[in-house]
PDB file of N, CA and C in Angstrom:
ATOM      1  N   MET A   1      -9.210  -8.575  25.185  1.00  0.00           N
ATOM      2  CA  MET A   1      -7.948  -8.599  24.485  1.00  0.00           C
ATOM      3  C   MET A   1      -8.077  -9.374  23.183  1.00  0.00           C
ATOM      4  N   ASN A   2      -8.813 -10.446  23.205  1.00  0.00           N
ATOM      5  CA  ASN A   2      -8.976 -11.267  22.016  1.00  0.00           C
ATOM      6  C   ASN A   2      -9.704 -10.499  20.921  1.00  0.00           C
ATOM      7  N   GLN A   3     -10.708  -9.695  21.291  1.00  0.00           N
ATOM      8  CA  GLN A   3     -11.426  -8.904  20.301  1.00  0.00           C
ATOM      9  C   GLN A   3     -10.485  -7.925  19.602  1.00  0.00           C
ATOM     10  N   PHE A   4      -9.644  -7.266  20.386  1.00  0.00           N
ATOM     11  CA  PHE A   4      -8.739  -6.282  19.797  1.00  0.00           C
ATOM     12  C   PHE A   4      -7.751  -6.942  18.846  1.00  0.00           C
ATOM     13  N   SER A   5      -7.235  -8.087  19.213  1.00  0.00           N
ATOM     14  CA  SER A   5      -6.281  -8.788  18.343  1.00  0.00           C
ATOM     15  C   SER A   5      -6.923  -9.130  17.010  1.00  0.00           C
ATOM     16  N   THR A   6      -8.161  -9.580  17.055  1.00  0.00           N
ATOM     17  CA  THR A   6      -8.884  -9.936  15.839  1.00  0.00           C
ATOM     18  C   THR A   6      -9.139  -8.710  14.966  1.00  0.00           C
ATOM     19  N   ILE A   7      -9.626  -7.642  15.575  1.00  0.00           N
ATOM     20  CA  ILE A   7      -9.934  -6.427  14.819  1.00  0.00           C
ATOM     21  C   ILE A   7      -8.661  -5.800  14.254  1.00  0.00           C
ATOM     22  N   SER A   8      -7.600  -5.795  15.031  1.00  0.00           N
ATOM     23  CA  SER A   8      -6.337  -5.226  14.552  1.00  0.00           C
ATOM     24  C   SER A   8      -5.780  -6.027  13.373  1.00  0.00           C
ATOM     25  N   ALA A   9      -5.860  -7.340  13.465  1.00  0.00           N
ATOM     26  CA  ALA A   9      -5.390  -8.184  12.359  1.00  0.00           C
ATOM     27  C   ALA A   9      -6.258  -7.982  11.119  1.00  0.00           C
ATOM     28  N   LEU A  10      -7.554  -7.836  11.310  1.00  0.00           N
ATOM     29  CA  LEU A  10      -8.466  -7.595  10.196  1.00  0.00           C
ATOM     30  C   LEU A  10      -8.171  -6.243   9.544  1.00  0.00           C
ATOM     31  N   PHE A  11      -7.911  -5.239  10.355  1.00  0.00           N
ATOM     32  CA  PHE A  11      -7.553  -3.921   9.831  1.00  0.00           C
ATOM     33  C   PHE A  11      -6.281  -4.008   8.995  1.00  0.00           C
ATOM     34  N   ASP A  12      -5.284  -4.724   9.509  1.00  0.00           N
ATOM     35  CA  ASP A  12      -4.030  -4.890   8.768  1.00  0.00           C
ATOM     36  C   ASP A  12      -4.251  -5.612   7.444  1.00  0.00           C
ATOM     37  N   HIS A  13      -5.180  -6.557   7.432  1.00  0.00           N
ATOM     38  CA  HIS A  13      -5.466  -7.307   6.207  1.00  0.00           C
ATOM     39  C   HIS A  13      -6.203  -6.438   5.182  1.00  0.00           C
ATOM     40  N   LEU A  14      -7.137  -5.623   5.645  1.00  0.00           N
ATOM     41  CA  LEU A  14      -7.952  -4.830   4.731  1.00  0.00           C
ATOM     42  C   LEU A  14      -7.243  -3.573   4.229  1.00  0.00           C
ATOM     43  N   ILE A  15      -6.469  -2.942   5.088  1.00  0.00           N
ATOM     44  CA  ILE A  15      -5.790  -1.699   4.722  1.00  0.00           C
ATOM     45  C   ILE A  15      -4.293  -1.968   4.647  1.00  0.00           C
ATOM     46  N   SER A  16      -3.767  -1.960   3.453  1.00  0.00           N
ATOM     47  CA  SER A  16      -2.333  -2.217   3.288  1.00  0.00           C
ATOM     48  C   SER A  16      -1.524  -1.009   3.764  1.00  0.00           C
ATOM     49  N   THR A  17      -0.270  -1.241   4.020  1.00  0.00           N
ATOM     50  CA  THR A  17       0.624  -0.170   4.461  1.00  0.00           C
ATOM     51  C   THR A  17       0.747   0.903   3.386  1.00  0.00           C
ATOM     52  N   ASP A  18       0.772   0.481   2.127  1.00  0.00           N
ATOM     53  CA  ASP A  18       0.881   1.446   1.026  1.00  0.00           C
ATOM     54  C   ASP A  18      -0.361   2.327   0.920  1.00  0.00           C
ATOM     55  N   SER A  19      -1.539   1.736   1.057  1.00  0.00           N
ATOM     56  CA  SER A  19      -2.755   2.543   0.974  1.00  0.00           C
ATOM     57  C   SER A  19      -2.876   3.474   2.181  1.00  0.00           C
ATOM     58  N   PHE A  20      -2.392   3.030   3.332  1.00  0.00           N
ATOM     59  CA  PHE A  20      -2.396   3.889   4.517  1.00  0.00           C
ATOM     60  C   PHE A  20      -1.449   5.076   4.320  1.00  0.00           C
ATOM     61  N   ARG A  21      -0.277   4.803   3.761  1.00  0.00           N
ATOM     62  CA  ARG A  21       0.681   5.882   3.477  1.00  0.00           C
ATOM     63  C   ARG A  21       0.133   6.848   2.433  1.00  0.00           C
ATOM     64  N   SER A  22      -0.562   6.310   1.431  1.00  0.00           N
ATOM     65  CA  SER A  22      -1.117   7.196   0.403  1.00  0.00           C
ATOM     66  C   SER A  22      -2.207   8.097   0.978  1.00  0.00           C
ATOM     67  N   LEU A  23      -2.956   7.593   1.953  1.00  0.00           N
ATOM     68  CA  LEU A  23      -3.942   8.442   2.625  1.00  0.00           C
ATOM     69  C   LEU A  23      -3.252   9.569   3.394  1.00  0.00           C
ATOM     70  N   LEU A  24      -2.162   9.243   4.054  1.00  0.00           N
ATOM     71  CA  LEU A  24      -1.410  10.273   4.776  1.00  0.00           C
ATOM     72  C   LEU A  24      -0.883  11.331   3.813  1.00  0.00           C
ATOM     73  N   GLU A  25      -0.370  10.885   2.669  1.00  0.00           N
ATOM     74  CA  GLU A  25       0.150  11.822   1.673  1.00  0.00           C
ATOM     75  C   GLU A  25      -0.964  12.659   1.058  1.00  0.00           C
ATOM     76  N   LYS A  26      -2.117  12.055   0.851  1.00  0.00           N
ATOM     77  CA  LYS A  26      -3.258  12.771   0.271  1.00  0.00           C
ATOM     78  C   LYS A  26      -3.649  13.965   1.135  1.00  0.00           C
ATOM     79  N   HIS A  27      -3.536  13.811   2.437  1.00  0.00           N
ATOM     80  CA  HIS A  27      -3.911  14.880   3.363  1.00  0.00           C
ATOM     81  C   HIS A  27      -2.706  15.701   3.823  1.00  0.00           C
ATOM     82  N   ASN A  28      -1.593  15.538   3.117  1.00  0.00           N
ATOM     83  CA  ASN A  28      -0.365  16.286   3.408  1.00  0.00           C
ATOM     84  C   ASN A  28       0.040  16.172   4.874  1.00  0.00           C
ATOM     85  N   TYR A  29      -0.087  14.984   5.419  1.00  0.00           N
ATOM     86  CA  TYR A  29       0.294  14.753   6.811  1.00  0.00           C
ATOM     87  C   TYR A  29       1.562  13.914   6.845  1.00  0.00           C
ATOM     88  N   THR A  30       2.563  14.419   7.514  1.00  0.00           N
ATOM     89  CA  THR A  30       3.815  13.696   7.677  1.00  0.00           C
ATOM     90  C   THR A  30       3.927  13.278   9.133  1.00  0.00           C
ATOM     91  N   ASP A  31       3.992  11.994   9.355  1.00  0.00           N
ATOM     92  CA  ASP A  31       4.078  11.466  10.713  1.00  0.00           C
ATOM     93  C   ASP A  31       5.544  11.428  11.127  1.00  0.00           C
ATOM     94  N   VAL A  32       5.940  12.334  12.000  1.00  0.00           N
ATOM     95  CA  VAL A  32       7.342  12.432  12.400  1.00  0.00           C
ATOM     96  C   VAL A  32       7.594  11.884  13.806  1.00  0.00           C
ATOM     97  N   SER A  33       6.576  11.416  14.451  1.00  0.00           N
ATOM     98  CA  SER A  33       6.745  10.954  15.831  1.00  0.00           C
ATOM     99  C   SER A  33       7.489   9.628  15.885  1.00  0.00           C
ATOM    100  N   ARG A  34       8.232   9.448  16.944  1.00  0.00           N
ATOM    101  CA  ARG A  34       8.985   8.217  17.137  1.00  0.00           C
ATOM    102  C   ARG A  34       8.249   7.254  18.063  1.00  0.00           C
ATOM    103  N   LYS A  35       7.571   7.798  19.057  1.00  0.00           N
ATOM    104  CA  LYS A  35       6.956   6.948  20.073  1.00  0.00           C
ATOM    105  C   LYS A  35       5.517   6.549  19.751  1.00  0.00           C
ATOM    106  N   PHE A  36       4.781   7.431  19.093  1.00  0.00           N
ATOM    107  CA  PHE A  36       3.347   7.210  18.910  1.00  0.00           C
ATOM    108  C   PHE A  36       2.936   7.674  17.518  1.00  0.00           C
ATOM    109  N   SER A  37       2.856   6.739  16.588  1.00  0.00           N
ATOM    110  CA  SER A  37       2.538   7.069  15.195  1.00  0.00           C
ATOM    111  C   SER A  37       1.025   7.118  14.986  1.00  0.00           C
ATOM    112  N   VAL A  38       0.627   7.484  13.783  1.00  0.00           N
ATOM    113  CA  VAL A  38      -0.795   7.511  13.446  1.00  0.00           C
ATOM    114  C   VAL A  38      -1.376   6.100  13.522  1.00  0.00           C
ATOM    115  N   ARG A  39      -0.615   5.128  13.097  1.00  0.00           N
ATOM    116  CA  ARG A  39      -1.080   3.729  13.176  1.00  0.00           C
ATOM    117  C   ARG A  39      -1.282   3.310  14.631  1.00  0.00           C
ATOM    118  N   ASP A  40      -0.400   3.760  15.521  1.00  0.00           N
ATOM    119  CA  ASP A  40      -0.582   3.497  16.949  1.00  0.00           C
ATOM    120  C   ASP A  40      -1.847   4.177  17.467  1.00  0.00           C
ATOM    121  N   LEU A  41      -2.116   5.377  16.958  1.00  0.00           N
ATOM    122  CA  LEU A  41      -3.325   6.093  17.355  1.00  0.00           C
ATOM    123  C   LEU A  41      -4.570   5.333  16.913  1.00  0.00           C
ATOM    124  N   ILE A  42      -4.571   4.822  15.694  1.00  0.00           N
ATOM    125  CA  ILE A  42      -5.708   4.042  15.198  1.00  0.00           C
ATOM    126  C   ILE A  42      -5.908   2.804  16.069  1.00  0.00           C
ATOM    127  N   ASP A  43      -4.817   2.125  16.401  1.00  0.00           N
ATOM    128  CA  ASP A  43      -4.912   0.961  17.292  1.00  0.00           C
ATOM    129  C   ASP A  43      -5.471   1.356  18.654  1.00  0.00           C
ATOM    130  N   PHE A  44      -5.010   2.486  19.183  1.00  0.00           N
ATOM    131  CA  PHE A  44      -5.511   2.953  20.474  1.00  0.00           C
ATOM    132  C   PHE A  44      -7.011   3.215  20.411  1.00  0.00           C
ATOM    133  N   LEU A  45      -7.464   3.891  19.364  1.00  0.00           N
ATOM    134  CA  LEU A  45      -8.886   4.218  19.243  1.00  0.00           C
ATOM    135  C   LEU A  45      -9.745   2.967  19.067  1.00  0.00           C
ATOM    136  N   MET A  46      -9.245   1.994  18.305  1.00  0.00           N
ATOM    137  CA  MET A  46      -9.987   0.733  18.166  1.00  0.00           C
ATOM    138  C   MET A  46     -10.069   0.010  19.505  1.00  0.00           C
ATOM    139  N   ALA A  47      -8.957  -0.038  20.230  1.00  0.00           N
ATOM    140  CA  ALA A  47      -8.942  -0.702  21.535  1.00  0.00           C
ATOM    141  C   ALA A  47      -9.838   0.027  22.526  1.00  0.00           C
ATOM    142  N   ALA A  48      -9.825   1.353  22.499  1.00  0.00           N
ATOM    143  CA  ALA A  48     -10.658   2.137  23.410  1.00  0.00           C
ATOM    144  C   ALA A  48     -12.140   1.877  23.162  1.00  0.00           C
ATOM    145  N   ALA A  49     -12.511   1.754  21.902  1.00  0.00           N
ATOM    146  CA  ALA A  49     -13.911   1.477  21.581  1.00  0.00           C
ATOM    147  C   ALA A  49     -14.304   0.057  21.984  1.00  0.00           C
ATOM    148  N   LEU A  50     -13.442  -0.901  21.710  1.00  0.00           N
ATOM    149  CA  LEU A  50     -13.755  -2.297  22.034  1.00  0.00           C
ATOM    150  C   LEU A  50     -13.751  -2.566  23.535  1.00  0.00           C
ATOM    151  N   GLU A  51     -12.796  -1.983  24.234  1.00  0.00           N
ATOM    152  CA  GLU A  51     -12.652  -2.228  25.671  1.00  0.00           C
ATOM    153  C   GLU A  51     -13.468  -1.253  26.515  1.00  0.00           C
ATOM    154  N   LYS A  52     -14.081  -0.259  25.870  1.00  0.00           N
ATOM    155  CA  LYS A  52     -14.910   0.745  26.539  1.00  0.00           C
ATOM    156  C   LYS A  52     -14.138   1.479  27.630  1.00  0.00           C
ATOM    157  N   TRP A  53     -12.979   2.007  27.238  1.00  0.00           N
ATOM    158  CA  TRP A  53     -12.173   2.773  28.178  1.00  0.00           C
ATOM    159  C   TRP A  53     -12.852   4.101  28.463  1.00  0.00           C
ATOM    160  N   ASP A  54     -12.615   4.638  29.653  1.00  0.00           N
ATOM    161  CA  ASP A  54     -13.285   5.863  30.089  1.00  0.00           C
ATOM    162  C   ASP A  54     -12.708   7.135  29.472  1.00  0.00           C
ATOM    163  N   GLY A  55     -11.462   7.117  29.084  1.00  0.00           N
ATOM    164  CA  GLY A  55     -10.842   8.309  28.513  1.00  0.00           C
ATOM    165  C   GLY A  55      -9.384   8.055  28.205  1.00  0.00           C
ATOM    166  N   TYR A  56      -8.679   9.141  27.878  1.00  0.00           N
ATOM    167  CA  TYR A  56      -7.265   9.007  27.525  1.00  0.00           C
ATOM    168  C   TYR A  56      -6.440   8.500  28.699  1.00  0.00           C
ATOM    169  N   ARG A  57      -6.721   8.995  29.903  1.00  0.00           N
ATOM    170  CA  ARG A  57      -5.956   8.556  31.081  1.00  0.00           C
ATOM    171  C   ARG A  57      -6.176   7.078  31.347  1.00  0.00           C
ATOM    172  N   ASP A  58      -7.415   6.657  31.275  1.00  0.00           N
ATOM    173  CA  ASP A  58      -7.730   5.242  31.489  1.00  0.00           C
ATOM    174  C   ASP A  58      -7.068   4.386  30.417  1.00  0.00           C
ATOM    175  N   GLY A  59      -7.144   4.835  29.178  1.00  0.00           N
ATOM    176  CA  GLY A  59      -6.534   4.096  28.074  1.00  0.00           C
ATOM    177  C   GLY A  59      -5.026   4.042  28.162  1.00  0.00           C
ATOM    178  N   ALA A  60      -4.421   5.145  28.589  1.00  0.00           N
ATOM    179  CA  ALA A  60      -2.958   5.173  28.719  1.00  0.00           C
ATOM    180  C   ALA A  60      -2.490   4.172  29.764  1.00  0.00           C
ATOM    181  N   ASP A  61      -3.293   3.972  30.802  1.00  0.00           N
ATOM    182  CA  ASP A  61      -2.941   2.995  31.842  1.00  0.00           C
ATOM    183  C   ASP A  61      -3.106   1.559  31.358  1.00  0.00           C
ATOM    184  N   LYS A  62      -4.010   1.332  30.423  1.00  0.00           N
ATOM    185  CA  LYS A  62      -4.334  -0.032  29.988  1.00  0.00           C
ATOM    186  C   LYS A  62      -3.686  -0.439  28.666  1.00  0.00           C
ATOM    187  N   MET A  63      -2.956   0.456  28.039  1.00  0.00           N
ATOM    188  CA  MET A  63      -2.377   0.170  26.724  1.00  0.00           C
ATOM    189  C   MET A  63      -1.428  -1.022  26.735  1.00  0.00           C
ATOM    190  N   SER A  64      -0.611  -1.115  27.747  1.00  0.00           N
ATOM    191  CA  SER A  64       0.398  -2.182  27.769  1.00  0.00           C
ATOM    192  C   SER A  64      -0.228  -3.564  27.896  1.00  0.00           C
ATOM    193  N   SER A  65      -1.440  -3.654  28.449  1.00  0.00           N
ATOM    194  CA  SER A  65      -2.096  -4.961  28.560  1.00  0.00           C
ATOM    195  C   SER A  65      -2.495  -5.511  27.195  1.00  0.00           C
ATOM    196  N   LEU A  66      -2.579  -4.642  26.191  1.00  0.00           N
ATOM    197  CA  LEU A  66      -2.927  -5.066  24.830  1.00  0.00           C
ATOM    198  C   LEU A  66      -1.727  -5.025  23.888  1.00  0.00           C
ATOM    199  N   GLN A  67      -0.537  -4.966  24.449  1.00  0.00           N
ATOM    200  CA  GLN A  67       0.709  -4.897  23.683  1.00  0.00           C
ATOM    201  C   GLN A  67       0.770  -3.670  22.774  1.00  0.00           C
ATOM    202  N   LEU A  68       0.184  -2.568  23.214  1.00  0.00           N
ATOM    203  CA  LEU A  68       0.301  -1.302  22.502  1.00  0.00           C
ATOM    204  C   LEU A  68       1.453  -0.509  23.107  1.00  0.00           C
ATOM    205  N   ASN A  69       2.023   0.392  22.325  1.00  0.00           N
ATOM    206  CA  ASN A  69       3.093   1.241  22.844  1.00  0.00           C
ATOM    207  C   ASN A  69       2.528   2.134  23.942  1.00  0.00           C
ATOM    208  N   ALA A  70       3.022   1.972  25.156  1.00  0.00           N
ATOM    209  CA  ALA A  70       2.535   2.763  26.282  1.00  0.00           C
ATOM    210  C   ALA A  70       3.089   4.183  26.199  1.00  0.00           C
ATOM    211  N   VAL A  71       2.195   5.156  26.215  1.00  0.00           N
ATOM    212  CA  VAL A  71       2.574   6.569  26.191  1.00  0.00           C
ATOM    213  C   VAL A  71       1.724   7.317  27.211  1.00  0.00           C
ATOM    214  N   HIS A  72       2.105   8.538  27.498  1.00  0.00           N
ATOM    215  CA  HIS A  72       1.363   9.388  28.416  1.00  0.00           C
ATOM    216  C   HIS A  72       0.071   9.844  27.732  1.00  0.00           C
ATOM    217  N   TYR A  73      -0.958  10.074  28.540  1.00  0.00           N
ATOM    218  CA  TYR A  73      -2.246  10.456  27.953  1.00  0.00           C
ATOM    219  C   TYR A  73      -2.165  11.778  27.203  1.00  0.00           C
ATOM    220  N   SER A  74      -1.257  12.660  27.581  1.00  0.00           N
ATOM    221  CA  SER A  74      -1.135  13.935  26.869  1.00  0.00           C
ATOM    222  C   SER A  74      -0.604  13.728  25.447  1.00  0.00           C
ATOM    223  N   THR A  75       0.207  12.695  25.256  1.00  0.00           N
ATOM    224  CA  THR A  75       0.707  12.366  23.917  1.00  0.00           C
ATOM    225  C   THR A  75      -0.445  11.944  23.016  1.00  0.00           C
ATOM    226  N   ILE A  76      -1.362  11.163  23.570  1.00  0.00           N
ATOM    227  CA  ILE A  76      -2.538  10.722  22.809  1.00  0.00           C
ATOM    228  C   ILE A  76      -3.381  11.932  22.425  1.00  0.00           C
ATOM    229  N   SER A  77      -3.599  12.811  23.375  1.00  0.00           N
ATOM    230  CA  SER A  77      -4.405  14.003  23.132  1.00  0.00           C
ATOM    231  C   SER A  77      -3.784  14.892  22.059  1.00  0.00           C
ATOM    232  N   LYS A  78      -2.478  15.091  22.118  1.00  0.00           N
ATOM    233  CA  LYS A  78      -1.790  15.915  21.116  1.00  0.00           C
ATOM    234  C   LYS A  78      -1.882  15.290  19.729  1.00  0.00           C
ATOM    235  N   LYS A  79      -1.716  13.974  19.661  1.00  0.00           N
ATOM    236  CA  LYS A  79      -1.756  13.286  18.365  1.00  0.00           C
ATOM    237  C   LYS A  79      -3.150  13.386  17.747  1.00  0.00           C
ATOM    238  N   ILE A  80      -4.175  13.218  18.559  1.00  0.00           N
ATOM    239  CA  ILE A  80      -5.545  13.329  18.043  1.00  0.00           C
ATOM    240  C   ILE A  80      -5.810  14.738  17.531  1.00  0.00           C
ATOM    241  N   ALA A  81      -5.275  15.729  18.212  1.00  0.00           N
ATOM    242  CA  ALA A  81      -5.484  17.117  17.797  1.00  0.00           C
ATOM    243  C   ALA A  81      -4.774  17.440  16.486  1.00  0.00           C
ATOM    244  N   GLU A  82      -3.646  16.804  16.217  1.00  0.00           N
ATOM    245  CA  GLU A  82      -2.884  17.158  15.013  1.00  0.00           C
ATOM    246  C   GLU A  82      -3.257  16.347  13.777  1.00  0.00           C
ATOM    247  N   VAL A  83      -3.856  15.185  13.944  1.00  0.00           N
ATOM    248  CA  VAL A  83      -4.250  14.363  12.795  1.00  0.00           C
ATOM    249  C   VAL A  83      -5.540  14.936  12.204  1.00  0.00           C
ATOM    250  N   PRO A  84      -5.570  15.201  10.908  1.00  0.00           N
ATOM    251  CA  PRO A  84      -6.767  15.782  10.291  1.00  0.00           C
ATOM    252  C   PRO A  84      -7.973  14.841  10.366  1.00  0.00           C
ATOM    253  N   TYR A  85      -9.128  15.430  10.628  1.00  0.00           N
ATOM    254  CA  TYR A  85     -10.363  14.657  10.698  1.00  0.00           C
ATOM    255  C   TYR A  85     -10.651  13.979   9.362  1.00  0.00           C
ATOM    256  N   GLU A  86     -10.351  14.647   8.276  1.00  0.00           N
ATOM    257  CA  GLU A  86     -10.612  14.097   6.947  1.00  0.00           C
ATOM    258  C   GLU A  86      -9.849  12.800   6.715  1.00  0.00           C
ATOM    259  N   LEU A  87      -8.696  12.668   7.340  1.00  0.00           N
ATOM    260  CA  LEU A  87      -7.921  11.432   7.239  1.00  0.00           C
ATOM    261  C   LEU A  87      -8.695  10.268   7.855  1.00  0.00           C
ATOM    262  N   ALA A  88      -9.255  10.480   9.026  1.00  0.00           N
ATOM    263  CA  ALA A  88     -10.045   9.432   9.676  1.00  0.00           C
ATOM    264  C   ALA A  88     -11.292   9.111   8.856  1.00  0.00           C
ATOM    265  N   LYS A  89     -11.891  10.135   8.299  1.00  0.00           N
ATOM    266  CA  LYS A  89     -13.085   9.946   7.477  1.00  0.00           C
ATOM    267  C   LYS A  89     -12.768   9.123   6.223  1.00  0.00           C
ATOM    268  N   ASP A  90     -11.682   9.458   5.543  1.00  0.00           N
ATOM    269  CA  ASP A  90     -11.284   8.707   4.350  1.00  0.00           C
ATOM    270  C   ASP A  90     -10.863   7.282   4.691  1.00  0.00           C
ATOM    271  N   LEU A  91     -10.251   7.105   5.842  1.00  0.00           N
ATOM    272  CA  LEU A  91      -9.875   5.767   6.292  1.00  0.00           C
ATOM    273  C   LEU A  91     -11.119   4.912   6.521  1.00  0.00           C
ATOM    274  N   PHE A  92     -12.139   5.507   7.109  1.00  0.00           N
ATOM    275  CA  PHE A  92     -13.400   4.793   7.311  1.00  0.00           C
ATOM    276  C   PHE A  92     -14.034   4.429   5.973  1.00  0.00           C
ATOM    277  N   HIS A  93     -14.045   5.357   5.029  1.00  0.00           N
ATOM    278  CA  HIS A  93     -14.611   5.073   3.707  1.00  0.00           C
ATOM    279  C   HIS A  93     -13.835   3.972   2.992  1.00  0.00           C
ATOM    280  N   LEU A  94     -12.533   3.958   3.155  1.00  0.00           N
ATOM    281  CA  LEU A  94     -11.713   2.902   2.562  1.00  0.00           C
ATOM    282  C   LEU A  94     -12.042   1.546   3.187  1.00  0.00           C
ATOM    283  N   LEU A  95     -12.213   1.517   4.490  1.00  0.00           N
ATOM    284  CA  LEU A  95     -12.591   0.269   5.162  1.00  0.00           C
ATOM    285  C   LEU A  95     -13.944  -0.237   4.683  1.00  0.00           C
ATOM    286  N   VAL A  96     -14.902   0.665   4.579  1.00  0.00           N
ATOM    287  CA  VAL A  96     -16.235   0.272   4.118  1.00  0.00           C
ATOM    288  C   VAL A  96     -16.176  -0.233   2.687  1.00  0.00           C
ATOM    289  N   SER A  97     -15.392   0.420   1.846  1.00  0.00           N
ATOM    290  CA  SER A  97     -15.290  -0.034   0.456  1.00  0.00           C
ATOM    291  C   SER A  97     -14.628  -1.404   0.367  1.00  0.00           C
ATOM    292  N   GLN A  98     -13.720  -1.708   1.289  1.00  0.00           N
ATOM    293  CA  GLN A  98     -13.080  -3.024   1.300  1.00  0.00           C
ATOM    294  C   GLN A  98     -14.022  -4.107   1.814  1.00  0.00           C
ATOM    295  N   CYS A  99     -15.024  -3.713   2.571  1.00  0.00           N
ATOM    296  CA  CYS A  99     -15.916  -4.695   3.192  1.00  0.00           C
ATOM    297  C   CYS A  99     -17.262  -4.831   2.492  1.00  0.00           C
ATOM    298  N   ASN A 100     -17.484  -4.100   1.404  1.00  0.00           N
ATOM    299  CA  ASN A 100     -18.794  -4.205   0.773  1.00  0.00           C
ATOM    300  C   ASN A 100     -18.972  -5.572   0.116  1.00  0.00           C
ATOM    301  N   ARG A 101     -20.172  -5.909  -0.192  1.00  0.00           N
ATOM    302  CA  ARG A 101     -20.514  -7.254  -0.641  1.00  0.00           C
ATOM    303  C   ARG A 101     -19.848  -7.641  -1.963  1.00  0.00           C
ATOM    304  N   ALA A 102     -19.880  -6.754  -2.929  1.00  0.00           N
ATOM    305  CA  ALA A 102     -19.290  -7.068  -4.235  1.00  0.00           C
ATOM    306  C   ALA A 102     -17.780  -7.246  -4.117  1.00  0.00           C
ATOM    307  N   GLN A 103     -17.160  -6.412  -3.326  1.00  0.00           N
ATOM    308  CA  GLN A 103     -15.712  -6.504  -3.149  1.00  0.00           C
ATOM    309  C   GLN A 103     -15.342  -7.810  -2.457  1.00  0.00           C
ATOM    310  N   SER A 104     -16.082  -8.184  -1.427  1.00  0.00           N
ATOM    311  CA  SER A 104     -15.746  -9.411  -0.708  1.00  0.00           C
ATOM    312  C   SER A 104     -15.967 -10.644  -1.580  1.00  0.00           C
ATOM    313  N   ARG A 105     -16.970 -10.609  -2.440  1.00  0.00           N
ATOM    314  CA  ARG A 105     -17.191 -11.742  -3.346  1.00  0.00           C
ATOM    315  C   ARG A 105     -16.078 -11.853  -4.381  1.00  0.00           C
ATOM    316  N   SER A 106     -15.612 -10.719  -4.874  1.00  0.00           N
ATOM    317  CA  SER A 106     -14.531 -10.775  -5.863  1.00  0.00           C
ATOM    318  C   SER A 106     -13.231 -11.249  -5.222  1.00  0.00           C
ATOM    319  N   LYS A 107     -13.019 -10.939  -3.952  1.00  0.00           N
ATOM    320  CA  LYS A 107     -11.824 -11.420  -3.263  1.00  0.00           C
ATOM    321  C   LYS A 107     -11.893 -12.922  -3.035  1.00  0.00           C
ATOM    322  N   MET A 108     -13.081 -13.426  -2.822  1.00  0.00           N
ATOM    323  CA  MET A 108     -13.239 -14.850  -2.546  1.00  0.00           C
ATOM    324  C   MET A 108     -12.894 -15.699  -3.767  1.00  0.00           C
ATOM    325  N   ARG A 109     -13.021 -15.157  -4.945  1.00  0.00           N
ATOM    326  CA  ARG A 109     -12.723 -15.928  -6.154  1.00  0.00           C
ATOM    327  C   ARG A 109     -11.245 -16.281  -6.253  1.00  0.00           C
ATOM    328  N   TYR A 110     -10.405 -15.452  -5.681  1.00  0.00           N
ATOM    329  CA  TYR A 110      -8.969 -15.664  -5.798  1.00  0.00           C
ATOM    330  C   TYR A 110      -8.420 -16.621  -4.757  1.00  0.00           C
ATOM    331  N   TYR A 111      -9.218 -16.997  -3.782  1.00  0.00           N
ATOM    332  CA  TYR A 111      -8.721 -17.887  -2.730  1.00  0.00           C
ATOM    333  C   TYR A 111      -9.005 -19.328  -3.032  1.00  0.00           C
TER     334      TYR A 111
END
């Protein structure tokens, strides 16, 4: 649980809400869900990787232990199917660009 909290906070620090929204707009994706947003999906996938969950059913059972919005495993599956792969790819590239050496050194100057 502690690992997920750290990674989630780091993700929030590196990727602003505005840049996340601009990525969604770039890929013409409108998130209309009320219970399980794209940001919730990203949190679920990070938690699943860190906690080594066996699948969507296992993750759906364990979501509430990490203070994630608990949803049915079919909701997770549907959301993954509808979110464009290119969005995840661009999100990864944005994270890497935020974490590169030159960028991190320039950020350190302002602190």
